[in-house]
C-alpha atoms as a PDB file:
ATOM      1  CA  MET A   1     -34.453 -18.680   1.127  1.00  0.00           C
ATOM      2  CA  SER A   2     -30.809 -17.714   0.616  1.00  0.00           C
ATOM      3  CA  THR A   3     -28.519 -17.385   3.634  1.00  0.00           C
ATOM      4  CA  GLN A   4     -25.624 -16.017   1.626  1.00  0.00           C
ATOM      5  CA  HIS A   5     -25.538 -12.647   3.346  1.00  0.00           C
ATOM      6  CA  ILE A   6     -26.468 -13.722   6.862  1.00  0.00           C
ATOM      7  CA  ASN A   7     -23.859 -12.504   9.334  1.00  0.00           C
ATOM      8  CA  LEU A   8     -22.378 -15.552  11.049  1.00  0.00           C
ATOM      9  CA  THR A   9     -19.722 -13.602  12.936  1.00  0.00           C
ATOM     10  CA  PRO A  10     -20.265 -13.716  16.680  1.00  0.00           C
ATOM     11  CA  ARG A  11     -20.782 -10.303  18.207  1.00  0.00           C
ATOM     12  CA  VAL A  12     -18.522  -9.597  21.155  1.00  0.00           C
ATOM     13  CA  MET A  13     -18.875  -7.297  24.117  1.00  0.00           C
ATOM     14  CA  ARG A  14     -17.259  -3.876  23.932  1.00  0.00           C
ATOM     15  CA  PRO A  15     -13.939  -3.673  25.819  1.00  0.00           C
ATOM     16  CA  ASP A  16     -14.524  -2.440  29.367  1.00  0.00           C
ATOM     17  CA  SER A  17     -10.968  -1.340  30.154  1.00  0.00           C
ATOM     18  CA  THR A  18      -8.731   1.347  28.733  1.00  0.00           C
ATOM     19  CA  ARG A  19      -6.066  -1.189  27.868  1.00  0.00           C
ATOM     20  CA  ALA A  20      -8.497  -3.413  25.991  1.00  0.00           C
ATOM     21  CA  ARG A  21      -9.953  -0.440  24.124  1.00  0.00           C
ATOM     22  CA  LEU A  22      -6.506   0.789  23.077  1.00  0.00           C
ATOM     23  CA  TRP A  23      -5.655  -2.698  21.838  1.00  0.00           C
ATOM     24  CA  ALA A  24      -8.865  -2.736  19.802  1.00  0.00           C
ATOM     25  CA  TYR A  25      -7.863   0.598  18.229  1.00  0.00           C
ATOM     26  CA  ALA A  26      -4.356  -0.780  17.567  1.00  0.00           C
ATOM     27  CA  ARG A  27      -5.876  -3.743  15.731  1.00  0.00           C
ATOM     28  CA  LEU A  28      -8.171  -1.397  13.816  1.00  0.00           C
ATOM     29  CA  ILE A  29      -5.177   0.469  12.378  1.00  0.00           C
ATOM     30  CA  ARG A  30      -3.184  -2.802  11.912  1.00  0.00           C
ATOM     31  CA  ALA A  31      -0.446  -1.777  14.338  1.00  0.00           C
ATOM     32  CA  ASP A  32       0.159  -5.499  14.739  1.00  0.00           C
ATOM     33  CA  ARG A  33       0.544  -5.958  10.960  1.00  0.00           C
ATOM     34  CA  PRO A  34       2.923  -3.282   9.607  1.00  0.00           C
ATOM     35  CA  ILE A  35       3.267  -4.721   6.087  1.00  0.00           C
ATOM     36  CA  GLY A  36       1.086  -1.928   4.684  1.00  0.00           C
ATOM     37  CA  ILE A  37       3.403   0.699   6.159  1.00  0.00           C
ATOM     38  CA  PHE A  38       6.390  -0.888   4.427  1.00  0.00           C
ATOM     39  CA  LEU A  39       4.635  -1.150   1.061  1.00  0.00           C
ATOM     40  CA  LEU A  40       3.744   2.529   1.299  1.00  0.00           C
ATOM     41  CA  LEU A  41       7.135   3.559   2.665  1.00  0.00           C
ATOM     42  CA  TRP A  42       9.488   2.014   0.103  1.00  0.00           C
ATOM     43  CA  PRO A  43       8.277   4.094  -2.887  1.00  0.00           C
ATOM     44  CA  ALA A  44       8.447   7.235  -0.742  1.00  0.00           C
ATOM     45  CA  LEU A  45      12.068   6.422   0.105  1.00  0.00           C
ATOM     46  CA  TRP A  46      12.854   5.616  -3.537  1.00  0.00           C
ATOM     47  CA  ALA A  47      11.580   9.056  -4.489  1.00  0.00           C
ATOM     48  CA  LEU A  48      13.282  10.908  -1.639  1.00  0.00           C
ATOM     49  CA  TRP A  49      16.682   9.395  -2.452  1.00  0.00           C
ATOM     50  CA  ILE A  50      16.372  10.141  -6.170  1.00  0.00           C
ATOM     51  CA  ALA A  51      14.993  13.649  -5.637  1.00  0.00           C
ATOM     52  CA  GLY A  52      17.656  14.318  -3.006  1.00  0.00           C
ATOM     53  CA  ALA A  53      20.488  12.869  -5.142  1.00  0.00           C
ATOM     54  CA  GLY A  54      21.189  10.294  -2.458  1.00  0.00           C
ATOM     55  CA  ASN A  55      21.270  12.789   0.383  1.00  0.00           C
ATOM     56  CA  PRO A  56      17.757  13.969   1.254  1.00  0.00           C
ATOM     57  CA  PRO A  57      17.398  16.164   4.349  1.00  0.00           C
ATOM     58  CA  TRP A  58      16.792  13.894   7.313  1.00  0.00           C
ATOM     59  CA  ARG A  59      14.105  16.244   8.598  1.00  0.00           C
ATOM     60  CA  VAL A  60      12.101  15.637   5.417  1.00  0.00           C
ATOM     61  CA  VAL A  61      12.770  11.897   5.549  1.00  0.00           C
ATOM     62  CA  LEU A  62      11.434  11.779   9.112  1.00  0.00           C
ATOM     63  CA  ILE A  63       8.330  13.734   8.132  1.00  0.00           C
ATOM     64  CA  PHE A  64       7.604  11.266   5.339  1.00  0.00           C
ATOM     65  CA  VAL A  65       8.247   8.196   7.485  1.00  0.00           C
ATOM     66  CA  LEU A  66       5.877   9.447  10.184  1.00  0.00           C
ATOM     67  CA  GLY A  67       3.357  10.629   7.594  1.00  0.00           C
ATOM     68  CA  VAL A  68       3.373   7.240   5.873  1.00  0.00           C
ATOM     69  CA  ALA A  69       2.732   5.450   9.173  1.00  0.00           C
ATOM     70  CA  LEU A  70      -0.109   7.811  10.069  1.00  0.00           C
ATOM     71  CA  MET A  71      -1.818   7.714   6.672  1.00  0.00           C
ATOM     72  CA  ARG A  72      -1.569   3.950   6.343  1.00  0.00           C
ATOM     73  CA  SER A  73      -3.148   3.649   9.785  1.00  0.00           C
ATOM     74  CA  ALA A  74      -5.843   6.159   8.853  1.00  0.00           C
ATOM     75  CA  GLY A  75      -6.458   4.221   5.647  1.00  0.00           C
ATOM     76  CA  CYS A  76      -7.037   1.029   7.619  1.00  0.00           C
ATOM     77  CA  ALA A  77      -9.625   2.779   9.799  1.00  0.00           C
ATOM     78  CA  ILE A  78     -11.614   4.166   6.842  1.00  0.00           C
ATOM     79  CA  ASN A  79     -11.238   0.869   4.958  1.00  0.00           C
ATOM     80  CA  ASP A  80     -12.756  -1.093   7.843  1.00  0.00           C
ATOM     81  CA  TYR A  81     -15.555   1.463   8.147  1.00  0.00           C
ATOM     82  CA  ALA A  82     -16.375   1.007   4.450  1.00  0.00           C
ATOM     83  CA  ASP A  83     -16.092  -2.791   4.621  1.00  0.00           C
ATOM     84  CA  ARG A  84     -17.669  -3.445   8.025  1.00  0.00           C
ATOM     85  CA  GLU A  85     -20.599  -5.416   6.584  1.00  0.00           C
ATOM     86  CA  PHE A  86     -18.449  -7.257   4.028  1.00  0.00           C
ATOM     87  CA  ASP A  87     -15.782  -8.136   6.599  1.00  0.00           C
ATOM     88  CA  ARG A  88     -18.300 -10.098   8.650  1.00  0.00           C
ATOM     89  CA  GLN A  89     -18.792 -12.451   5.702  1.00  0.00           C
ATOM     90  CA  VAL A  90     -15.137 -13.055   4.834  1.00  0.00           C
ATOM     91  CA  GLN A  91     -13.207 -15.708   6.721  1.00  0.00           C
ATOM     92  CA  ARG A  92      -9.958 -13.715   6.885  1.00  0.00           C
ATOM     93  CA  THR A  93     -11.563 -10.479   8.110  1.00  0.00           C
ATOM     94  CA  ARG A  94     -14.540 -11.584  10.202  1.00  0.00           C
ATOM     95  CA  ASN A  95     -12.686 -10.994  13.483  1.00  0.00           C
ATOM     96  CA  ARG A  96     -11.624  -7.416  12.783  1.00  0.00           C
ATOM     97  CA  PRO A  97     -12.576  -5.032  15.622  1.00  0.00           C
ATOM     98  CA  LEU A  98     -15.219  -3.166  13.631  1.00  0.00           C
ATOM     99  CA  ALA A  99     -16.749  -6.351  12.223  1.00  0.00           C
ATOM    100  CA  THR A 100     -17.117  -7.873  15.692  1.00  0.00           C
ATOM    101  CA  GLY A 101     -18.287  -4.708  17.428  1.00  0.00           C
ATOM    102  CA  LEU A 102     -15.179  -4.085  19.511  1.00  0.00           C
ATOM    103  CA  VAL A 103     -14.985  -0.701  17.780  1.00  0.00           C
ATOM    104  CA  SER A 104     -18.026   1.260  16.598  1.00  0.00           C
ATOM    105  CA  PRO A 105     -18.349   2.867  13.139  1.00  0.00           C
ATOM    106  CA  GLY A 106     -18.250   6.310  14.772  1.00  0.00           C
ATOM    107  CA  GLU A 107     -15.052   5.462  16.606  1.00  0.00           C
ATOM    108  CA  SER A 108     -13.495   4.249  13.374  1.00  0.00           C
ATOM    109  CA  LEU A 109     -14.300   7.549  11.661  1.00  0.00           C
ATOM    110  CA  ALA A 110     -12.928   9.468  14.636  1.00  0.00           C
ATOM    111  CA  VAL A 111      -9.654   7.506  14.482  1.00  0.00           C
ATOM    112  CA  PHE A 112      -9.430   8.201  10.747  1.00  0.00           C
ATOM    113  CA  ALA A 113     -10.023  11.928  11.269  1.00  0.00           C
ATOM    114  CA  LEU A 114      -7.501  12.206  14.109  1.00  0.00           C
ATOM    115  CA  LEU A 115      -4.733  10.375  12.262  1.00  0.00           C
ATOM    116  CA  SER A 116      -5.401  12.355   9.072  1.00  0.00           C
ATOM    117  CA  LEU A 117      -5.151  15.631  10.991  1.00  0.00           C
ATOM    118  CA  LEU A 118      -1.867  14.542  12.553  1.00  0.00           C
ATOM    119  CA  ALA A 119      -0.510  13.655   9.112  1.00  0.00           C
ATOM    120  CA  PHE A 120      -1.683  16.998   7.724  1.00  0.00           C
ATOM    121  CA  GLY A 121       0.089  18.741  10.587  1.00  0.00           C
ATOM    122  CA  LEU A 122       3.321  17.090   9.467  1.00  0.00           C
ATOM    123  CA  VAL A 123       2.781  18.172   5.854  1.00  0.00           C
ATOM    124  CA  LEU A 124       2.408  21.775   7.032  1.00  0.00           C
ATOM    125  CA  LEU A 125       6.119  21.625   7.866  1.00  0.00           C
ATOM    126  CA  LEU A 126       6.845  21.314   4.133  1.00  0.00           C
ATOM    127  CA  ASN A 127       6.318  23.738   1.235  1.00  0.00           C
ATOM    128  CA  TRP A 128       2.864  24.792   0.087  1.00  0.00           C
ATOM    129  CA  THR A 129       3.008  22.815  -3.153  1.00  0.00           C
ATOM    130  CA  THR A 130       3.377  19.634  -1.112  1.00  0.00           C
ATOM    131  CA  VAL A 131       0.594  20.766   1.224  1.00  0.00           C
ATOM    132  CA  ALA A 132      -1.712  21.187  -1.784  1.00  0.00           C
ATOM    133  CA  MET A 133      -0.747  17.760  -3.108  1.00  0.00           C
ATOM    134  CA  SER A 134      -1.563  16.193   0.258  1.00  0.00           C
ATOM    135  CA  VAL A 135      -5.224  16.971  -0.401  1.00  0.00           C
ATOM    136  CA  VAL A 136      -5.071  14.564  -3.342  1.00  0.00           C
ATOM    137  CA  ALA A 137      -3.506  11.932  -1.090  1.00  0.00           C
ATOM    138  CA  LEU A 138      -6.319  12.298   1.448  1.00  0.00           C
ATOM    139  CA  THR A 139      -8.980  12.142  -1.274  1.00  0.00           C
ATOM    140  CA  LEU A 140      -7.501   8.933  -2.673  1.00  0.00           C
ATOM    141  CA  ALA A 141      -7.351   7.412   0.828  1.00  0.00           C
ATOM    142  CA  VAL A 142     -11.054   8.168   1.348  1.00  0.00           C
ATOM    143  CA  ILE A 143     -12.413   6.931  -1.992  1.00  0.00           C
ATOM    144  CA  TYR A 144     -10.286   3.783  -2.424  1.00  0.00           C
ATOM    145  CA  PRO A 145     -12.177   1.574   0.098  1.00  0.00           C
ATOM    146  CA  PHE A 146     -15.479   2.203  -1.687  1.00  0.00           C
ATOM    147  CA  MET A 147     -14.216   1.430  -5.212  1.00  0.00           C
ATOM    148  CA  LYS A 148     -14.553  -2.347  -4.836  1.00  0.00           C
ATOM    149  CA  ARG A 149     -18.312  -1.817  -5.015  1.00  0.00           C
ATOM    150  CA  TYR A 150     -18.172  -0.164  -8.442  1.00  0.00           C
ATOM    151  CA  THR A 151     -15.136  -1.379 -10.368  1.00  0.00           C
ATOM    152  CA  HIS A 152     -12.989  -4.470 -10.733  1.00  0.00           C
ATOM    153  CA  LEU A 153      -9.966  -2.187 -10.510  1.00  0.00           C
ATOM    154  CA  PRO A 154      -9.950  -0.979  -6.890  1.00  0.00           C
ATOM    155  CA  GLN A 155      -6.255  -1.955  -6.857  1.00  0.00           C
ATOM    156  CA  LEU A 156      -5.648   0.879  -9.318  1.00  0.00           C
ATOM    157  CA  PHE A 157      -6.982   3.362  -6.772  1.00  0.00           C
ATOM    158  CA  LEU A 158      -4.913   1.732  -4.047  1.00  0.00           C
ATOM    159  CA  GLY A 159      -1.846   2.136  -6.243  1.00  0.00           C
ATOM    160  CA  ALA A 160      -2.589   5.805  -6.755  1.00  0.00           C
ATOM    161  CA  ALA A 161      -3.123   6.299  -3.020  1.00  0.00           C
ATOM    162  CA  PHE A 162       0.067   4.444  -2.082  1.00  0.00           C
ATOM    163  CA  GLY A 163       2.054   5.980  -4.918  1.00  0.00           C
ATOM    164  CA  TRP A 164       1.093   9.599  -4.332  1.00  0.00           C
ATOM    165  CA  ALA A 165       3.937   9.860  -1.816  1.00  0.00           C
ATOM    166  CA  VAL A 166       6.279   9.766  -4.831  1.00  0.00           C
ATOM    167  CA  PRO A 167       5.294  13.089  -6.452  1.00  0.00           C
ATOM    168  CA  MET A 168       4.929  14.584  -2.974  1.00  0.00           C
ATOM    169  CA  ALA A 169       8.540  13.634  -2.218  1.00  0.00           C
ATOM    170  CA  PHE A 170       9.738  15.417  -5.345  1.00  0.00           C
ATOM    171  CA  THR A 171       7.746  18.563  -4.620  1.00  0.00           C
ATOM    172  CA  ALA A 172       8.950  18.529  -1.013  1.00  0.00           C
ATOM    173  CA  LEU A 173      12.586  18.638  -2.165  1.00  0.00           C
ATOM    174  CA  ASP A 174      12.465  20.261  -5.608  1.00  0.00           C
ATOM    175  CA  GLY A 175       9.177  22.181  -5.681  1.00  0.00           C
ATOM    176  CA  SER A 176       7.956  20.294  -8.765  1.00  0.00           C
ATOM    177  CA  VAL A 177       7.725  16.785 -10.209  1.00  0.00           C
ATOM    178  CA  PRO A 178      10.159  16.009 -13.076  1.00  0.00           C
ATOM    179  CA  PRO A 179       9.355  13.315 -15.660  1.00  0.00           C
ATOM    180  CA  VAL A 180      11.392  10.729 -13.730  1.00  0.00           C
ATOM    181  CA  GLY A 181       9.096  11.346 -10.751  1.00  0.00           C
ATOM    182  CA  TRP A 182       6.013  10.506 -12.784  1.00  0.00           C
ATOM    183  CA  TRP A 183       7.687   7.394 -14.211  1.00  0.00           C
ATOM    184  CA  LEU A 184       8.439   6.307 -10.652  1.00  0.00           C
ATOM    185  CA  PHE A 185       4.821   6.992  -9.698  1.00  0.00           C
ATOM    186  CA  ALA A 186       3.704   4.793 -12.603  1.00  0.00           C
ATOM    187  CA  ALA A 187       6.016   2.022 -11.394  1.00  0.00           C
ATOM    188  CA  THR A 188       4.547   2.265  -7.901  1.00  0.00           C
ATOM    189  CA  LEU A 189       1.031   2.079  -9.287  1.00  0.00           C
ATOM    190  CA  VAL A 190       1.862  -1.058 -11.302  1.00  0.00           C
ATOM    191  CA  TRP A 191       3.567  -2.587  -8.270  1.00  0.00           C
ATOM    192  CA  ALA A 192       0.380  -2.107  -6.231  1.00  0.00           C
ATOM    193  CA  LEU A 193      -1.572  -3.919  -8.961  1.00  0.00           C
ATOM    194  CA  VAL A 194       0.843  -6.837  -8.554  1.00  0.00           C
ATOM    195  CA  TYR A 195       0.798  -7.225  -4.799  1.00  0.00           C
ATOM    196  CA  ASP A 196      -2.822  -6.300  -4.206  1.00  0.00           C
ATOM    197  CA  THR A 197      -3.976  -8.770  -6.857  1.00  0.00           C
ATOM    198  CA  GLN A 198      -1.994 -11.431  -5.002  1.00  0.00           C
ATOM    199  CA  TYR A 199      -3.709 -10.242  -1.820  1.00  0.00           C
ATOM    200  CA  ALA A 200      -7.136 -10.351  -3.475  1.00  0.00           C
ATOM    201  CA  MET A 201      -6.501 -13.939  -4.598  1.00  0.00           C
ATOM    202  CA  VAL A 202      -6.622 -14.902  -0.905  1.00  0.00           C
ATOM    203  CA  ASP A 203     -10.249 -13.766  -0.576  1.00  0.00           C
ATOM    204  CA  ARG A 204     -11.488 -14.433  -4.101  1.00  0.00           C
ATOM    205  CA  ASP A 205     -13.991 -17.177  -3.218  1.00  0.00           C
ATOM    206  CA  ASP A 206     -15.561 -15.105  -0.428  1.00  0.00           C
ATOM    207  CA  ASP A 207     -15.538 -11.951  -2.565  1.00  0.00           C
ATOM    208  CA  LEU A 208     -17.405 -13.707  -5.365  1.00  0.00           C
ATOM    209  CA  LYS A 209     -20.118 -14.789  -2.923  1.00  0.00           C
ATOM    210  CA  ILE A 210     -20.716 -11.343  -1.440  1.00  0.00           C
ATOM    211  CA  GLY A 211     -20.257  -9.258  -4.586  1.00  0.00           C
ATOM    212  CA  ILE A 212     -16.921  -7.523  -3.960  1.00  0.00           C
ATOM    213  CA  LYS A 213     -14.965  -6.672  -7.118  1.00  0.00           C
ATOM    214  CA  SER A 214     -11.203  -7.034  -7.581  1.00  0.00           C
ATOM    215  CA  THR A 215      -8.527  -7.568 -10.207  1.00  0.00           C
ATOM    216  CA  ALA A 216      -8.217 -11.170  -9.004  1.00  0.00           C
ATOM    217  CA  ILE A 217     -11.841 -11.702 -10.044  1.00  0.00           C
ATOM    218  CA  LEU A 218     -11.429  -9.664 -13.236  1.00  0.00           C
ATOM    219  CA  PHE A 219      -8.387 -11.659 -14.363  1.00  0.00           C
ATOM    220  CA  GLY A 220      -9.935 -15.002 -13.419  1.00  0.00           C
ATOM    221  CA  ARG A 221      -7.894 -17.948 -14.699  1.00  0.00           C
ATOM    222  CA  TRP A 222      -5.521 -15.476 -16.339  1.00  0.00           C
ATOM    223  CA  ASP A 223      -4.475 -14.098 -12.975  1.00  0.00           C
ATOM    224  CA  ARG A 224      -0.953 -15.560 -12.976  1.00  0.00           C
ATOM    225  CA  PRO A 225      -0.118 -14.444 -16.550  1.00  0.00           C
ATOM    226  CA  MET A 226      -1.543 -10.978 -15.850  1.00  0.00           C
ATOM    227  CA  ILE A 227       0.495 -10.652 -12.657  1.00  0.00           C
ATOM    228  CA  GLY A 228       3.529 -11.780 -14.645  1.00  0.00           C
ATOM    229  CA  LEU A 229       2.927  -9.103 -17.287  1.00  0.00           C
ATOM    230  CA  LEU A 230       2.532  -6.491 -14.557  1.00  0.00           C
ATOM    231  CA  GLN A 231       5.774  -7.648 -12.943  1.00  0.00           C
ATOM    232  CA  VAL A 232       7.559  -7.249 -16.278  1.00  0.00           C
ATOM    233  CA  ALA A 233       6.032  -3.777 -16.643  1.00  0.00           C
ATOM    234  CA  LEU A 234       7.155  -2.877 -13.115  1.00  0.00           C
ATOM    235  CA  LEU A 235      10.736  -3.931 -13.780  1.00  0.00           C
ATOM    236  CA  GLY A 236      10.677  -2.165 -17.148  1.00  0.00           C
ATOM    237  CA  LEU A 237       9.486   1.088 -15.575  1.00  0.00           C
ATOM    238  CA  LEU A 238      12.074   0.858 -12.797  1.00  0.00           C
ATOM    239  CA  THR A 239      14.764   0.236 -15.422  1.00  0.00           C
ATOM    240  CA  TRP A 240      13.655   3.354 -17.278  1.00  0.00           C
ATOM    241  CA  VAL A 241      13.708   5.330 -14.022  1.00  0.00           C
ATOM    242  CA  GLY A 242      17.280   4.182 -13.440  1.00  0.00           C
ATOM    243  CA  LEU A 243      18.344   5.251 -16.925  1.00  0.00           C
ATOM    244  CA  GLU A 244      16.598   8.617 -16.605  1.00  0.00           C
ATOM    245  CA  ALA A 245      18.173   9.206 -13.187  1.00  0.00           C
ATOM    246  CA  GLY A 246      21.625   8.137 -14.386  1.00  0.00           C
ATOM    247  CA  ARG A 247      21.950   5.253 -11.965  1.00  0.00           C
ATOM    248  CA  GLY A 248      24.739   2.660 -12.077  1.00  0.00           C
ATOM    249  CA  TRP A 249      25.358  -1.041 -11.566  1.00  0.00           C
ATOM    250  CA  PRO A 250      24.223  -1.301  -7.886  1.00  0.00           C
ATOM    251  CA  TYR A 251      20.768  -0.102  -8.862  1.00  0.00           C
ATOM    252  CA  PHE A 252      20.450  -2.424 -11.842  1.00  0.00           C
ATOM    253  CA  LEU A 253      21.777  -5.331  -9.789  1.00  0.00           C
ATOM    254  CA  SER A 254      18.978  -4.681  -7.302  1.00  0.00           C
ATOM    255  CA  LEU A 255      16.484  -4.875 -10.176  1.00  0.00           C
ATOM    256  CA  ALA A 256      17.927  -8.235 -11.224  1.00  0.00           C
ATOM    257  CA  LEU A 257      17.442  -9.508  -7.676  1.00  0.00           C
ATOM    258  CA  ALA A 258      13.936  -8.022  -7.662  1.00  0.00           C
ATOM    259  CA  ALA A 259      13.217  -9.964 -10.854  1.00  0.00           C
ATOM    260  CA  ALA A 260      14.270 -13.144  -9.046  1.00  0.00           C
ATOM    261  CA  LEU A 261      11.820 -12.315  -6.251  1.00  0.00           C
ATOM    262  CA  ALA A 262       9.081 -11.754  -8.834  1.00  0.00           C
ATOM    263  CA  GLY A 263       9.802 -15.234 -10.161  1.00  0.00           C
ATOM    264  CA  TYR A 264       9.580 -16.632  -6.642  1.00  0.00           C
ATOM    265  CA  GLN A 265       6.206 -14.966  -6.199  1.00  0.00           C
ATOM    266  CA  GLN A 266       5.010 -16.668  -9.367  1.00  0.00           C
ATOM    267  CA  TYR A 267       6.131 -19.950  -7.869  1.00  0.00           C
ATOM    268  CA  LEU A 268       4.196 -19.237  -4.676  1.00  0.00           C
ATOM    269  CA  ILE A 269       0.925 -18.486  -6.476  1.00  0.00           C
ATOM    270  CA  ARG A 270       1.248 -21.385  -8.933  1.00  0.00           C
ATOM    271  CA  ASP A 271      -1.590 -23.371  -7.304  1.00  0.00           C
ATOM    272  CA  ARG A 272      -3.533 -20.300  -6.144  1.00  0.00           C
ATOM    273  CA  ASN A 273      -3.427 -21.597  -2.585  1.00  0.00           C
ATOM    274  CA  PRO A 274      -4.696 -18.712  -0.372  1.00  0.00           C
ATOM    275  CA  SER A 275      -1.910 -19.099   2.196  1.00  0.00           C
ATOM    276  CA  ALA A 276       0.776 -19.141  -0.498  1.00  0.00           C
ATOM    277  CA  CYS A 277      -0.798 -16.149  -2.265  1.00  0.00           C
ATOM    278  CA  PHE A 278      -0.632 -14.258   1.016  1.00  0.00           C
ATOM    279  CA  GLN A 279       3.052 -15.177   1.331  1.00  0.00           C
ATOM    280  CA  ALA A 280       3.621 -13.820  -2.188  1.00  0.00           C
ATOM    281  CA  PHE A 281       1.941 -10.588  -1.141  1.00  0.00           C
ATOM    282  CA  LEU A 282       4.180 -10.313   1.933  1.00  0.00           C
ATOM    283  CA  ASN A 283       7.274 -11.050  -0.177  1.00  0.00           C
ATOM    284  CA  ASN A 284       6.818  -7.700  -1.920  1.00  0.00           C
ATOM    285  CA  ASN A 285       8.248  -6.026   1.172  1.00  0.00           C
ATOM    286  CA  TYR A 286      11.620  -7.554   0.290  1.00  0.00           C
ATOM    287  CA  LEU A 287      11.262  -6.461  -3.323  1.00  0.00           C
ATOM    288  CA  GLY A 288      10.700  -2.848  -2.274  1.00  0.00           C
ATOM    289  CA  MET A 289      13.584  -3.070   0.189  1.00  0.00           C
ATOM    290  CA  LEU A 290      15.925  -4.400  -2.505  1.00  0.00           C
ATOM    291  CA  VAL A 291      15.118  -1.556  -4.884  1.00  0.00           C
ATOM    292  CA  PHE A 292      15.716   1.002  -2.155  1.00  0.00           C
ATOM    293  CA  ALA A 293      18.998  -0.675  -1.175  1.00  0.00           C
ATOM    294  CA  GLY A 294      20.109  -0.478  -4.796  1.00  0.00           C
ATOM    295  CA  ILE A 295      19.269   3.228  -5.021  1.00  0.00           C
ATOM    296  CA  ALA A 296      20.922   4.097  -1.715  1.00  0.00           C
ATOM    297  CA  LEU A 297      24.052   2.014  -2.382  1.00  0.00           C
ATOM    298  CA  ASP A 298      24.411   3.449  -5.879  1.00  0.00           C
ATOM    299  CA  TYR A 299      24.376   7.032  -4.603  1.00  0.00           C
ATOM    300  CA  LEU A 300      26.659   6.131  -1.688  1.00  0.00           C
ATOM    301  CA  LEU A 301      29.299   4.501  -3.896  1.00  0.00           C
ATOM    302  CA  ARG A 302      29.200   7.269  -6.490  1.00  0.00           C
ATOM    303  CA  GLY A 303      29.493   9.872  -3.787  1.00  0.00           C
ATOM    304  CA  SER A 304      32.605   8.206  -2.409  1.00  0.00           C
ATOM    305  CA  LEU A 305      34.409   8.052  -5.763  1.00  0.00           C
END
């Protein structure tokens, strides 16, 4: 008789104090691990600075920063609800609050609904085109966690969910999305395929046992070359965005440095060691930061000439 799907995670008692319960909710939304906020935020800032010609209204920037934090947190809550049975069978996730019983499935859905409503309230401060587009963002956030059951490309849905802030930024400032906005969205989508495949490499052995699908499993022994091709595509798309947006040397210098980081990530994943693959995933925060620094510095220097 197979024991493959037996839950070996110890069940814990529900927190009996307000402080403990709040901490459980904080862990549910990954308040202690903000990397997801950064990976969602950088493309939004790229888009805001390009759409705003280097000087986006700070009111809109603040709305997007807060909205990104809320929606990433909401996404974590709905993701853990969808994965609560899987998480108990994966070494890295078996101690998540929902998997251990610190938070109930109903509480997780309530947290998701509350945070989504707060984010929607922020979007209502923008134009109606952006409000309409936020419905797409919410839909993508809801369906992404369930895609790993049906397709080996759940990372594609994650990329769309994380990247949808890009066209929303353009509509928030310009009322429509120009071609450069869609090219930037495509770059963000490819970037998500890069870093979330690295992330999926961490859990690949467990995922194979319990039947979860991912690009890491789809690519198999070709994972490193495929990530490399995606990194080249990412840099190519960002180069095209720079040309379309008329950017100068600071931007393209940032892409050269980003290429060096991509090479470093390849070095990290060379042996497919889970810990090193996770470090490669985390390193993408610096890549996104570099690209934003290049955009911001380019507009700043050109504005001062």
